[in-house]
Amino acid sequence: MKDLTSQQVADLARELEALQDTLSRQLERAEDSAATVQLDQTLLGRVSRMDAMQQQSVALSTRKLTEQKLRKVIAALRAVAEGEYGYCRRCEECIGYPRLQAQPEANLCIHCQDSTDNQ
């Protein structure tokens, strides 16, 4: 597989920067959703409180996934800055441009990702 062109890296870096901004804004907005649920039944009825706790659980899971993706995006931007972007961290082969277009924060080629998923 051939290496990425400098234009492809620049385009993907712009996508990563935009994704970083989007994820950061999502995390800022999600802080209220993940706040501790009040256990005072005078404020919420029992069913409403259970619903609020379930919503909080979903919000915390979403926040965790968003934080993980943001860490991957930041690592990818660091790799761009160091001239190492677009190479699989396991086999060191070039990650295909179509894969990076679909998932610019990817740090494994499709073959290594598949072998990781099957373990």
PDB file of N, CA and C in Angstrom:
ATOM      1  N   MET A   1       0.857  -1.180   0.000  1.00  0.00           N
ATOM      2  CA  MET A   1       0.000   0.000   0.000  1.00  0.00           C
ATOM      3  C   MET A   1       0.897   1.235   0.000  1.00  0.00           C
ATOM      4  N   LYS A   2       0.511   2.242  -0.760  1.00  0.00           N
ATOM      5  CA  LYS A   2       1.371   3.425  -0.862  1.00  0.00           C
ATOM      6  C   LYS A   2       1.103   4.405   0.275  1.00  0.00           C
ATOM      7  N   ASP A   3       2.129   5.200   0.571  1.00  0.00           N
ATOM      8  CA  ASP A   3       2.024   6.198   1.633  1.00  0.00           C
ATOM      9  C   ASP A   3       1.042   7.301   1.246  1.00  0.00           C
ATOM     10  N   LEU A   4       0.572   8.018   2.232  1.00  0.00           N
ATOM     11  CA  LEU A   4      -0.329   9.145   2.004  1.00  0.00           C
ATOM     12  C   LEU A   4       0.453  10.302   1.391  1.00  0.00           C
ATOM     13  N   THR A   5      -0.222  11.059   0.552  1.00  0.00           N
ATOM     14  CA  THR A   5       0.404  12.265   0.016  1.00  0.00           C
ATOM     15  C   THR A   5       0.328  13.362   1.074  1.00  0.00           C
ATOM     16  N   SER A   6       1.131  14.398   0.906  1.00  0.00           N
ATOM     17  CA  SER A   6       1.097  15.504   1.868  1.00  0.00           C
ATOM     18  C   SER A   6      -0.268  16.192   1.846  1.00  0.00           C
ATOM     19  N   GLN A   7      -0.913  16.248   0.688  1.00  0.00           N
ATOM     20  CA  GLN A   7      -2.248  16.849   0.593  1.00  0.00           C
ATOM     21  C   GLN A   7      -3.275  16.008   1.354  1.00  0.00           C
ATOM     22  N   GLN A   8      -3.177  14.689   1.239  1.00  0.00           N
ATOM     23  CA  GLN A   8      -4.089  13.809   1.965  1.00  0.00           C
ATOM     24  C   GLN A   8      -3.906  13.976   3.475  1.00  0.00           C
ATOM     25  N   VAL A   9      -2.655  14.049   3.922  1.00  0.00           N
ATOM     26  CA  VAL A   9      -2.390  14.241   5.353  1.00  0.00           C
ATOM     27  C   VAL A   9      -2.962  15.577   5.812  1.00  0.00           C
ATOM     28  N   ALA A  10      -2.766  16.630   5.017  1.00  0.00           N
ATOM     29  CA  ALA A  10      -3.288  17.952   5.379  1.00  0.00           C
ATOM     30  C   ALA A  10      -4.817  17.935   5.456  1.00  0.00           C
ATOM     31  N   ASP A  11      -5.456  17.287   4.499  1.00  0.00           N
ATOM     32  CA  ASP A  11      -6.921  17.190   4.512  1.00  0.00           C
ATOM     33  C   ASP A  11      -7.411  16.431   5.744  1.00  0.00           C
ATOM     34  N   LEU A  12      -6.760  15.326   6.054  1.00  0.00           N
ATOM     35  CA  LEU A  12      -7.149  14.528   7.212  1.00  0.00           C
ATOM     36  C   LEU A  12      -6.867  15.273   8.516  1.00  0.00           C
ATOM     37  N   ALA A  13      -5.782  16.041   8.557  1.00  0.00           N
ATOM     38  CA  ALA A  13      -5.472  16.831   9.758  1.00  0.00           C
ATOM     39  C   ALA A  13      -6.566  17.865  10.005  1.00  0.00           C
ATOM     40  N   ARG A  14      -7.067  18.487   8.942  1.00  0.00           N
ATOM     41  CA  ARG A  14      -8.175  19.441   9.090  1.00  0.00           C
ATOM     42  C   ARG A  14      -9.414  18.735   9.623  1.00  0.00           C
ATOM     43  N   GLU A  15      -9.679  17.534   9.114  1.00  0.00           N
ATOM     44  CA  GLU A  15     -10.823  16.762   9.616  1.00  0.00           C
ATOM     45  C   GLU A  15     -10.643  16.428  11.095  1.00  0.00           C
ATOM     46  N   LEU A  16      -9.429  16.056  11.472  1.00  0.00           N
ATOM     47  CA  LEU A  16      -9.150  15.727  12.876  1.00  0.00           C
ATOM     48  C   LEU A  16      -9.333  16.948  13.774  1.00  0.00           C
ATOM     49  N   GLU A  17      -8.886  18.113  13.323  1.00  0.00           N
ATOM     50  CA  GLU A  17      -9.046  19.338  14.106  1.00  0.00           C
ATOM     51  C   GLU A  17     -10.524  19.679  14.284  1.00  0.00           C
ATOM     52  N   ALA A  18     -11.295  19.532  13.212  1.00  0.00           N
ATOM     53  CA  ALA A  18     -12.736  19.797  13.301  1.00  0.00           C
ATOM     54  C   ALA A  18     -13.404  18.791  14.237  1.00  0.00           C
ATOM     55  N   LEU A  19     -12.990  17.535  14.159  1.00  0.00           N
ATOM     56  CA  LEU A  19     -13.537  16.499  15.027  1.00  0.00           C
ATOM     57  C   LEU A  19     -13.177  16.779  16.480  1.00  0.00           C
ATOM     58  N   GLN A  20     -11.962  17.233  16.722  1.00  0.00           N
ATOM     59  CA  GLN A  20     -11.542  17.580  18.081  1.00  0.00           C
ATOM     60  C   GLN A  20     -12.428  18.695  18.640  1.00  0.00           C
ATOM     61  N   ASP A  21     -12.691  19.715  17.847  1.00  0.00           N
ATOM     62  CA  ASP A  21     -13.564  20.808  18.292  1.00  0.00           C
ATOM     63  C   ASP A  21     -14.974  20.298  18.597  1.00  0.00           C
ATOM     64  N   THR A  22     -15.513  19.474  17.719  1.00  0.00           N
ATOM     65  CA  THR A  22     -16.861  18.934  17.903  1.00  0.00           C
ATOM     66  C   THR A  22     -16.949  18.098  19.173  1.00  0.00           C
ATOM     67  N   LEU A  23     -15.981  17.212  19.365  1.00  0.00           N
ATOM     68  CA  LEU A  23     -15.996  16.351  20.549  1.00  0.00           C
ATOM     69  C   LEU A  23     -15.828  17.164  21.828  1.00  0.00           C
ATOM     70  N   SER A  24     -14.974  18.168  21.799  1.00  0.00           N
ATOM     71  CA  SER A  24     -14.778  19.026  22.978  1.00  0.00           C
ATOM     72  C   SER A  24     -16.064  19.749  23.339  1.00  0.00           C
ATOM     73  N   ARG A  25     -16.768  20.259  22.333  1.00  0.00           N
ATOM     74  CA  ARG A  25     -18.046  20.944  22.588  1.00  0.00           C
ATOM     75  C   ARG A  25     -19.082  19.968  23.137  1.00  0.00           C
ATOM     76  N   GLN A  26     -19.104  18.747  22.600  1.00  0.00           N
ATOM     77  CA  GLN A  26     -20.048  17.736  23.101  1.00  0.00           C
ATOM     78  C   GLN A  26     -19.786  17.442  24.574  1.00  0.00           C
ATOM     79  N   LEU A  27     -18.525  17.346  24.948  1.00  0.00           N
ATOM     80  CA  LEU A  27     -18.192  17.073  26.349  1.00  0.00           C
ATOM     81  C   LEU A  27     -18.596  18.225  27.251  1.00  0.00           C
ATOM     82  N   GLU A  28     -18.429  19.441  26.782  1.00  0.00           N
ATOM     83  CA  GLU A  28     -18.847  20.607  27.575  1.00  0.00           C
ATOM     84  C   GLU A  28     -20.352  20.594  27.800  1.00  0.00           C
ATOM     85  N   ARG A  29     -21.109  20.304  26.741  1.00  0.00           N
ATOM     86  CA  ARG A  29     -22.570  20.284  26.851  1.00  0.00           C
ATOM     87  C   ARG A  29     -23.062  19.112  27.687  1.00  0.00           C
ATOM     88  N   ALA A  30     -22.312  18.032  27.726  1.00  0.00           N
ATOM     89  CA  ALA A  30     -22.756  16.816  28.415  1.00  0.00           C
ATOM     90  C   ALA A  30     -22.552  16.865  29.916  1.00  0.00           C
ATOM     91  N   GLU A  31     -21.854  17.865  30.423  1.00  0.00           N
ATOM     92  CA  GLU A  31     -21.577  17.910  31.861  1.00  0.00           C
ATOM     93  C   GLU A  31     -22.855  17.909  32.690  1.00  0.00           C
ATOM     94  N   ASP A  32     -23.852  18.674  32.300  1.00  0.00           N
ATOM     95  CA  ASP A  32     -25.104  18.729  33.049  1.00  0.00           C
ATOM     96  C   ASP A  32     -25.843  17.391  33.021  1.00  0.00           C
ATOM     97  N   SER A  33     -25.803  16.697  31.889  1.00  0.00           N
ATOM     98  CA  SER A  33     -26.509  15.420  31.760  1.00  0.00           C
ATOM     99  C   SER A  33     -25.919  14.345  32.654  1.00  0.00           C
ATOM    100  N   ALA A  34     -24.622  14.454  32.929  1.00  0.00           N
ATOM    101  CA  ALA A  34     -23.946  13.429  33.719  1.00  0.00           C
ATOM    102  C   ALA A  34     -23.880  13.800  35.201  1.00  0.00           C
ATOM    103  N   ALA A  35     -24.493  14.902  35.563  1.00  0.00           N
ATOM    104  CA  ALA A  35     -24.456  15.343  36.963  1.00  0.00           C
ATOM    105  C   ALA A  35     -25.159  14.330  37.855  1.00  0.00           C
ATOM    106  N   THR A  36     -24.811  14.339  39.123  1.00  0.00           N
ATOM    107  CA  THR A  36     -25.402  13.428  40.097  1.00  0.00           C
ATOM    108  C   THR A  36     -26.909  13.676  40.196  1.00  0.00           C
ATOM    109  N   VAL A  37     -27.657  12.591  40.226  1.00  0.00           N
ATOM    110  CA  VAL A  37     -29.116  12.679  40.326  1.00  0.00           C
ATOM    111  C   VAL A  37     -29.482  12.951  41.781  1.00  0.00           C
ATOM    112  N   GLN A  38     -30.363  13.924  41.976  1.00  0.00           N
ATOM    113  CA  GLN A  38     -30.855  14.250  43.322  1.00  0.00           C
ATOM    114  C   GLN A  38     -31.706  13.091  43.832  1.00  0.00           C
ATOM    115  N   LEU A  39     -31.475  12.663  45.043  1.00  0.00           N
ATOM    116  CA  LEU A  39     -32.253  11.564  45.609  1.00  0.00           C
ATOM    117  C   LEU A  39     -33.411  12.050  46.470  1.00  0.00           C
ATOM    118  N   ASP A  40     -33.651  13.324  46.515  1.00  0.00           N
ATOM    119  CA  ASP A  40     -34.743  13.902  47.286  1.00  0.00           C
ATOM    120  C   ASP A  40     -36.063  13.629  46.557  1.00  0.00           C
ATOM    121  N   GLN A  41     -36.920  12.790  47.139  1.00  0.00           N
ATOM    122  CA  GLN A  41     -38.165  12.426  46.474  1.00  0.00           C
ATOM    123  C   GLN A  41     -39.163  13.573  46.418  1.00  0.00           C
ATOM    124  N   THR A  42     -38.921  14.637  47.167  1.00  0.00           N
ATOM    125  CA  THR A  42     -39.824  15.785  47.063  1.00  0.00           C
ATOM    126  C   THR A  42     -39.566  16.528  45.755  1.00  0.00           C
ATOM    127  N   LEU A  43     -38.358  16.384  45.204  1.00  0.00           N
ATOM    128  CA  LEU A  43     -38.047  17.033  43.920  1.00  0.00           C
ATOM    129  C   LEU A  43     -38.461  16.170  42.741  1.00  0.00           C
ATOM    130  N   LEU A  44     -38.282  14.848  42.880  1.00  0.00           N
ATOM    131  CA  LEU A  44     -38.619  13.917  41.799  1.00  0.00           C
ATOM    132  C   LEU A  44     -39.390  12.749  42.391  1.00  0.00           C
ATOM    133  N   GLY A  45     -40.384  12.300  41.682  1.00  0.00           N
ATOM    134  CA  GLY A  45     -41.072  11.091  42.114  1.00  0.00           C
ATOM    135  C   GLY A  45     -40.175   9.889  41.887  1.00  0.00           C
ATOM    136  N   ARG A  46     -40.573   8.749  42.430  1.00  0.00           N
ATOM    137  CA  ARG A  46     -39.747   7.552  42.324  1.00  0.00           C
ATOM    138  C   ARG A  46     -39.490   7.152  40.877  1.00  0.00           C
ATOM    139  N   VAL A  47     -40.516   7.121  40.045  1.00  0.00           N
ATOM    140  CA  VAL A  47     -40.356   6.743  38.638  1.00  0.00           C
ATOM    141  C   VAL A  47     -39.505   7.779  37.908  1.00  0.00           C
ATOM    142  N   SER A  48     -39.775   9.038  38.160  1.00  0.00           N
ATOM    143  CA  SER A  48     -38.996  10.095  37.518  1.00  0.00           C
ATOM    144  C   SER A  48     -37.529  10.023  37.919  1.00  0.00           C
ATOM    145  N   ARG A  49     -37.290   9.707  39.196  1.00  0.00           N
ATOM    146  CA  ARG A  49     -35.919   9.600  39.678  1.00  0.00           C
ATOM    147  C   ARG A  49     -35.208   8.434  38.998  1.00  0.00           C
ATOM    148  N   MET A  50     -35.917   7.298  38.836  1.00  0.00           N
ATOM    149  CA  MET A  50     -35.325   6.137  38.154  1.00  0.00           C
ATOM    150  C   MET A  50     -35.031   6.467  36.702  1.00  0.00           C
ATOM    151  N   ASP A  51     -35.945   7.186  36.069  1.00  0.00           N
ATOM    152  CA  ASP A  51     -35.722   7.618  34.687  1.00  0.00           C
ATOM    153  C   ASP A  51     -34.512   8.544  34.606  1.00  0.00           C
ATOM    154  N   ALA A  52     -34.414   9.464  35.559  1.00  0.00           N
ATOM    155  CA  ALA A  52     -33.277  10.391  35.592  1.00  0.00           C
ATOM    156  C   ALA A  52     -31.970   9.636  35.807  1.00  0.00           C
ATOM    157  N   MET A  53     -32.001   8.611  36.640  1.00  0.00           N
ATOM    158  CA  MET A  53     -30.792   7.816  36.881  1.00  0.00           C
ATOM    159  C   MET A  53     -30.398   7.036  35.634  1.00  0.00           C
ATOM    160  N   GLN A  54     -31.391   6.527  34.905  1.00  0.00           N
ATOM    161  CA  GLN A  54     -31.104   5.814  33.661  1.00  0.00           C
ATOM    162  C   GLN A  54     -30.520   6.784  32.630  1.00  0.00           C
ATOM    163  N   GLN A  55     -31.101   7.970  32.530  1.00  0.00           N
ATOM    164  CA  GLN A  55     -30.579   8.974  31.609  1.00  0.00           C
ATOM    165  C   GLN A  55     -29.156   9.365  31.983  1.00  0.00           C
ATOM    166  N   GLN A  56     -28.892   9.460  33.276  1.00  0.00           N
ATOM    167  CA  GLN A  56     -27.547   9.790  33.742  1.00  0.00           C
ATOM    168  C   GLN A  56     -26.568   8.685  33.335  1.00  0.00           C
ATOM    169  N   SER A  57     -26.991   7.435  33.471  1.00  0.00           N
ATOM    170  CA  SER A  57     -26.143   6.303  33.106  1.00  0.00           C
ATOM    171  C   SER A  57     -25.795   6.336  31.616  1.00  0.00           C
ATOM    172  N   VAL A  58     -26.793   6.607  30.792  1.00  0.00           N
ATOM    173  CA  VAL A  58     -26.568   6.716  29.347  1.00  0.00           C
ATOM    174  C   VAL A  58     -25.628   7.883  29.059  1.00  0.00           C
ATOM    175  N   ALA A  59     -25.845   9.000  29.729  1.00  0.00           N
ATOM    176  CA  ALA A  59     -25.004  10.184  29.523  1.00  0.00           C
ATOM    177  C   ALA A  59     -23.553   9.895  29.923  1.00  0.00           C
ATOM    178  N   LEU A  60     -23.363   9.168  31.025  1.00  0.00           N
ATOM    179  CA  LEU A  60     -22.004   8.830  31.460  1.00  0.00           C
ATOM    180  C   LEU A  60     -21.316   7.904  30.464  1.00  0.00           C
ATOM    181  N   SER A  61     -22.049   6.934  29.923  1.00  0.00           N
ATOM    182  CA  SER A  61     -21.487   6.030  28.913  1.00  0.00           C
ATOM    183  C   SER A  61     -21.113   6.792  27.650  1.00  0.00           C
ATOM    184  N   THR A  62     -22.006   7.669  27.225  1.00  0.00           N
ATOM    185  CA  THR A  62     -21.739   8.478  26.039  1.00  0.00           C
ATOM    186  C   THR A  62     -20.526   9.369  26.263  1.00  0.00           C
ATOM    187  N   ARG A  63     -20.453   9.950  27.441  1.00  0.00           N
ATOM    188  CA  ARG A  63     -19.310  10.814  27.774  1.00  0.00           C
ATOM    189  C   ARG A  63     -18.004  10.027  27.734  1.00  0.00           C
ATOM    190  N   LYS A  64     -18.024   8.820  28.280  1.00  0.00           N
ATOM    191  CA  LYS A  64     -16.824   7.984  28.292  1.00  0.00           C
ATOM    192  C   LYS A  64     -16.364   7.669  26.860  1.00  0.00           C
ATOM    193  N   LEU A  65     -17.310   7.299  26.001  1.00  0.00           N
ATOM    194  CA  LEU A  65     -16.976   7.009  24.602  1.00  0.00           C
ATOM    195  C   LEU A  65     -16.444   8.254  23.888  1.00  0.00           C
ATOM    196  N   THR A  66     -17.046   9.396  24.167  1.00  0.00           N
ATOM    197  CA  THR A  66     -16.599  10.649  23.561  1.00  0.00           C
ATOM    198  C   THR A  66     -15.194  10.999  24.029  1.00  0.00           C
ATOM    199  N   GLU A  67     -14.918  10.804  25.319  1.00  0.00           N
ATOM    200  CA  GLU A  67     -13.579  11.069  25.847  1.00  0.00           C
ATOM    201  C   GLU A  67     -12.545  10.149  25.205  1.00  0.00           C
ATOM    202  N   GLN A  68     -12.897   8.873  25.022  1.00  0.00           N
ATOM    203  CA  GLN A  68     -11.979   7.925  24.380  1.00  0.00           C
ATOM    204  C   GLN A  68     -11.675   8.344  22.946  1.00  0.00           C
ATOM    205  N   LYS A  69     -12.719   8.731  22.223  1.00  0.00           N
ATOM    206  CA  LYS A  69     -12.519   9.146  20.833  1.00  0.00           C
ATOM    207  C   LYS A  69     -11.681  10.419  20.784  1.00  0.00           C
ATOM    208  N   LEU A  70     -11.921  11.346  21.698  1.00  0.00           N
ATOM    209  CA  LEU A  70     -11.142  12.583  21.737  1.00  0.00           C
ATOM    210  C   LEU A  70      -9.671  12.281  21.994  1.00  0.00           C
ATOM    211  N   ARG A  71      -9.384  11.346  22.879  1.00  0.00           N
ATOM    212  CA  ARG A  71      -7.985  10.960  23.132  1.00  0.00           C
ATOM    213  C   ARG A  71      -7.341  10.400  21.861  1.00  0.00           C
ATOM    214  N   LYS A  72      -8.085   9.607  21.097  1.00  0.00           N
ATOM    215  CA  LYS A  72      -7.565   9.057  19.843  1.00  0.00           C
ATOM    216  C   LYS A  72      -7.316  10.165  18.823  1.00  0.00           C
ATOM    217  N   VAL A  73      -8.220  11.128  18.765  1.00  0.00           N
ATOM    218  CA  VAL A  73      -8.059  12.256  17.840  1.00  0.00           C
ATOM    219  C   VAL A  73      -6.822  13.061  18.204  1.00  0.00           C
ATOM    220  N   ILE A  74      -6.639  13.327  19.489  1.00  0.00           N
ATOM    221  CA  ILE A  74      -5.463  14.084  19.945  1.00  0.00           C
ATOM    222  C   ILE A  74      -4.183  13.316  19.621  1.00  0.00           C
ATOM    223  N   ALA A  75      -4.195  12.004  19.819  1.00  0.00           N
ATOM    224  CA  ALA A  75      -3.027  11.183  19.488  1.00  0.00           C
ATOM    225  C   ALA A  75      -2.753  11.223  17.986  1.00  0.00           C
ATOM    226  N   ALA A  76      -3.805  11.194  17.176  1.00  0.00           N
ATOM    227  CA  ALA A  76      -3.627  11.264  15.724  1.00  0.00           C
ATOM    228  C   ALA A  76      -3.045  12.615  15.315  1.00  0.00           C
ATOM    229  N   LEU A  77      -3.518  13.697  15.931  1.00  0.00           N
ATOM    230  CA  LEU A  77      -2.963  15.027  15.628  1.00  0.00           C
ATOM    231  C   LEU A  77      -1.494  15.107  16.048  1.00  0.00           C
ATOM    232  N   ARG A  78      -1.146  14.470  17.148  1.00  0.00           N
ATOM    233  CA  ARG A  78       0.259  14.422  17.584  1.00  0.00           C
ATOM    234  C   ARG A  78       1.086  13.656  16.550  1.00  0.00           C
ATOM    235  N   ALA A  79       0.532  12.542  16.033  1.00  0.00           N
ATOM    236  CA  ALA A  79       1.224  11.759  15.012  1.00  0.00           C
ATOM    237  C   ALA A  79       1.426  12.576  13.738  1.00  0.00           C
ATOM    238  N   VAL A  80       0.437  13.411  13.389  1.00  0.00           N
ATOM    239  CA  VAL A  80       0.580  14.293  12.219  1.00  0.00           C
ATOM    240  C   VAL A  80       1.756  15.234  12.454  1.00  0.00           C
ATOM    241  N   ALA A  81       1.799  15.843  13.622  1.00  0.00           N
ATOM    242  CA  ALA A  81       2.865  16.793  13.945  1.00  0.00           C
ATOM    243  C   ALA A  81       4.242  16.132  13.933  1.00  0.00           C
ATOM    244  N   GLU A  82       4.303  14.859  14.311  1.00  0.00           N
ATOM    245  CA  GLU A  82       5.572  14.136  14.366  1.00  0.00           C
ATOM    246  C   GLU A  82       5.919  13.435  13.057  1.00  0.00           C
ATOM    247  N   GLY A  83       5.036  13.559  12.045  1.00  0.00           N
ATOM    248  CA  GLY A  83       5.283  12.927  10.754  1.00  0.00           C
ATOM    249  C   GLY A  83       5.070  11.430  10.753  1.00  0.00           C
ATOM    250  N   GLU A  84       4.308  10.927  11.719  1.00  0.00           N
ATOM    251  CA  GLU A  84       4.078   9.489  11.833  1.00  0.00           C
ATOM    252  C   GLU A  84       2.632   9.095  11.563  1.00  0.00           C
ATOM    253  N   TYR A  85       1.833  10.038  11.123  1.00  0.00           N
ATOM    254  CA  TYR A  85       0.411   9.784  10.913  1.00  0.00           C
ATOM    255  C   TYR A  85       0.205   8.896   9.690  1.00  0.00           C
ATOM    256  N   GLY A  86      -0.754   7.990   9.816  1.00  0.00           N
ATOM    257  CA  GLY A  86      -1.138   7.155   8.685  1.00  0.00           C
ATOM    258  C   GLY A  86      -0.445   5.805   8.654  1.00  0.00           C
ATOM    259  N   TYR A  87       0.315   5.503   9.706  1.00  0.00           N
ATOM    260  CA  TYR A  87       0.992   4.214   9.782  1.00  0.00           C
ATOM    261  C   TYR A  87       0.434   3.406  10.945  1.00  0.00           C
ATOM    262  N   CYS A  88       0.239   2.129  10.710  1.00  0.00           N
ATOM    263  CA  CYS A  88      -0.298   1.229  11.729  1.00  0.00           C
ATOM    264  C   CYS A  88       0.693   1.134  12.885  1.00  0.00           C
ATOM    265  N   ARG A  89       0.203   1.302  14.082  1.00  0.00           N
ATOM    266  CA  ARG A  89       1.099   1.238  15.241  1.00  0.00           C
ATOM    267  C   ARG A  89       1.528  -0.190  15.552  1.00  0.00           C
ATOM    268  N   ARG A  90       0.861  -1.181  14.979  1.00  0.00           N
ATOM    269  CA  ARG A  90       1.242  -2.565  15.226  1.00  0.00           C
ATOM    270  C   ARG A  90       2.204  -3.086  14.142  1.00  0.00           C
ATOM    271  N   CYS A  91       1.803  -3.037  12.881  1.00  0.00           N
ATOM    272  CA  CYS A  91       2.634  -3.616  11.808  1.00  0.00           C
ATOM    273  C   CYS A  91       3.459  -2.564  11.066  1.00  0.00           C
ATOM    274  N   GLU A  92       3.183  -1.288  11.341  1.00  0.00           N
ATOM    275  CA  GLU A  92       3.895  -0.150  10.757  1.00  0.00           C
ATOM    276  C   GLU A  92       3.684   0.014   9.253  1.00  0.00           C
ATOM    277  N   GLU A  93       2.690  -0.685   8.703  1.00  0.00           N
ATOM    278  CA  GLU A  93       2.321  -0.486   7.302  1.00  0.00           C
ATOM    279  C   GLU A  93       1.427   0.742   7.192  1.00  0.00           C
ATOM    280  N   CYS A  94       1.332   1.273   5.992  1.00  0.00           N
ATOM    281  CA  CYS A  94       0.481   2.440   5.753  1.00  0.00           C
ATOM    282  C   CYS A  94      -0.987   2.043   5.927  1.00  0.00           C
ATOM    283  N   ILE A  95      -1.728   2.874   6.647  1.00  0.00           N
ATOM    284  CA  ILE A  95      -3.176   2.688   6.771  1.00  0.00           C
ATOM    285  C   ILE A  95      -3.791   3.282   5.517  1.00  0.00           C
ATOM    286  N   GLY A  96      -4.685   2.598   4.903  1.00  0.00           N
ATOM    287  CA  GLY A  96      -5.271   3.058   3.647  1.00  0.00           C
ATOM    288  C   GLY A  96      -6.014   4.382   3.787  1.00  0.00           C
ATOM    289  N   TYR A  97      -5.888   5.211   2.760  1.00  0.00           N
ATOM    290  CA  TYR A  97      -6.554   6.512   2.755  1.00  0.00           C
ATOM    291  C   TYR A  97      -8.068   6.386   2.922  1.00  0.00           C
ATOM    292  N   PRO A  98      -8.730   5.426   2.244  1.00  0.00           N
ATOM    293  CA  PRO A  98     -10.186   5.301   2.452  1.00  0.00           C
ATOM    294  C   PRO A  98     -10.550   5.023   3.918  1.00  0.00           C
ATOM    295  N   ARG A  99      -9.741   4.223   4.592  1.00  0.00           N
ATOM    296  CA  ARG A  99     -10.010   3.945   6.009  1.00  0.00           C
ATOM    297  C   ARG A  99      -9.848   5.213   6.832  1.00  0.00           C
ATOM    298  N   LEU A 100      -8.819   5.985   6.546  1.00  0.00           N
ATOM    299  CA  LEU A 100      -8.590   7.216   7.295  1.00  0.00           C
ATOM    300  C   LEU A 100      -9.646   8.277   6.979  1.00  0.00           C
ATOM    301  N   GLN A 101     -10.176   8.257   5.768  1.00  0.00           N
ATOM    302  CA  GLN A 101     -11.277   9.177   5.460  1.00  0.00           C
ATOM    303  C   GLN A 101     -12.498   8.834   6.304  1.00  0.00           C
ATOM    304  N   ALA A 102     -12.754   7.553   6.483  1.00  0.00           N
ATOM    305  CA  ALA A 102     -13.910   7.119   7.261  1.00  0.00           C
ATOM    306  C   ALA A 102     -13.672   7.270   8.758  1.00  0.00           C
ATOM    307  N   GLN A 103     -12.429   7.058   9.180  1.00  0.00           N
ATOM    308  CA  GLN A 103     -12.092   7.115  10.609  1.00  0.00           C
ATOM    309  C   GLN A 103     -10.690   7.723  10.739  1.00  0.00           C
ATOM    310  N   PRO A 104     -10.595   9.056  10.673  1.00  0.00           N
ATOM    311  CA  PRO A 104      -9.276   9.696  10.648  1.00  0.00           C
ATOM    312  C   PRO A 104      -8.434   9.473  11.899  1.00  0.00           C
ATOM    313  N   GLU A 105      -9.052   9.068  12.994  1.00  0.00           N
ATOM    314  CA  GLU A 105      -8.297   8.815  14.226  1.00  0.00           C
ATOM    315  C   GLU A 105      -7.766   7.380  14.301  1.00  0.00           C
ATOM    316  N   ALA A 106      -8.025   6.569  13.276  1.00  0.00           N
ATOM    317  CA  ALA A 106      -7.585   5.166  13.279  1.00  0.00           C
ATOM    318  C   ALA A 106      -6.069   5.092  13.428  1.00  0.00           C
ATOM    319  N   ASN A 107      -5.614   4.160  14.270  1.00  0.00           N
ATOM    320  CA  ASN A 107      -4.176   3.982  14.443  1.00  0.00           C
ATOM    321  C   ASN A 107      -3.739   2.556  14.099  1.00  0.00           C
ATOM    322  N   LEU A 108      -4.682   1.766  13.605  1.00  0.00           N
ATOM    323  CA  LEU A 108      -4.380   0.412  13.148  1.00  0.00           C
ATOM    324  C   LEU A 108      -4.895   0.238  11.726  1.00  0.00           C
ATOM    325  N   CYS A 109      -4.146  -0.518  10.910  1.00  0.00           N
ATOM    326  CA  CYS A 109      -4.651  -0.838   9.578  1.00  0.00           C
ATOM    327  C   CYS A 109      -5.840  -1.793   9.749  1.00  0.00           C
ATOM    328  N   ILE A 110      -6.575  -1.991   8.699  1.00  0.00           N
ATOM    329  CA  ILE A 110      -7.784  -2.815   8.790  1.00  0.00           C
ATOM    330  C   ILE A 110      -7.443  -4.255   9.173  1.00  0.00           C
ATOM    331  N   HIS A 111      -6.336  -4.780   8.674  1.00  0.00           N
ATOM    332  CA  HIS A 111      -5.936  -6.156   9.000  1.00  0.00           C
ATOM    333  C   HIS A 111      -5.645  -6.297  10.494  1.00  0.00           C
ATOM    334  N   CYS A 112      -4.849  -5.379  11.050  1.00  0.00           N
ATOM    335  CA  CYS A 112      -4.523  -5.454  12.481  1.00  0.00           C
ATOM    336  C   CYS A 112      -5.762  -5.187  13.346  1.00  0.00           C
ATOM    337  N   GLN A 113      -6.630  -4.293  12.902  1.00  0.00           N
ATOM    338  CA  GLN A 113      -7.865  -4.023  13.643  1.00  0.00           C
ATOM    339  C   GLN A 113      -8.739  -5.273  13.676  1.00  0.00           C
ATOM    340  N   ASP A 114      -8.853  -5.957  12.539  1.00  0.00           N
ATOM    341  CA  ASP A 114      -9.651  -7.177  12.490  1.00  0.00           C
ATOM    342  C   ASP A 114      -9.085  -8.246  13.411  1.00  0.00           C
ATOM    343  N   SER A 115      -7.757  -8.383  13.442  1.00  0.00           N
ATOM    344  CA  SER A 115      -7.165  -9.397  14.302  1.00  0.00           C
ATOM    345  C   SER A 115      -7.334  -9.039  15.774  1.00  0.00           C
ATOM    346  N   THR A 116      -7.366  -7.741  16.115  1.00  0.00           N
ATOM    347  CA  THR A 116      -7.612  -7.302  17.482  1.00  0.00           C
ATOM    348  C   THR A 116      -9.052  -7.591  17.880  1.00  0.00           C
ATOM    349  N   ASP A 117      -9.992  -7.320  16.974  1.00  0.00           N
ATOM    350  CA  ASP A 117     -11.404  -7.529  17.265  1.00  0.00           C
ATOM    351  C   ASP A 117     -11.739  -9.012  17.461  1.00  0.00           C
ATOM    352  N   ASN A 118     -10.978  -9.894  16.814  1.00  0.00           N
ATOM    353  CA  ASN A 118     -11.263 -11.328  16.883  1.00  0.00           C
ATOM    354  C   ASN A 118     -10.575 -12.024  18.040  1.00  0.00           C
ATOM    355  N   GLN A 119      -9.861 -11.291  18.862  1.00  0.00           N
ATOM    356  CA  GLN A 119      -9.162 -11.919  19.993  1.00  0.00           C
ATOM    357  C   GLN A 119     -10.031 -11.973  21.204  1.00  0.00           C
TER     358      GLN A 119
END
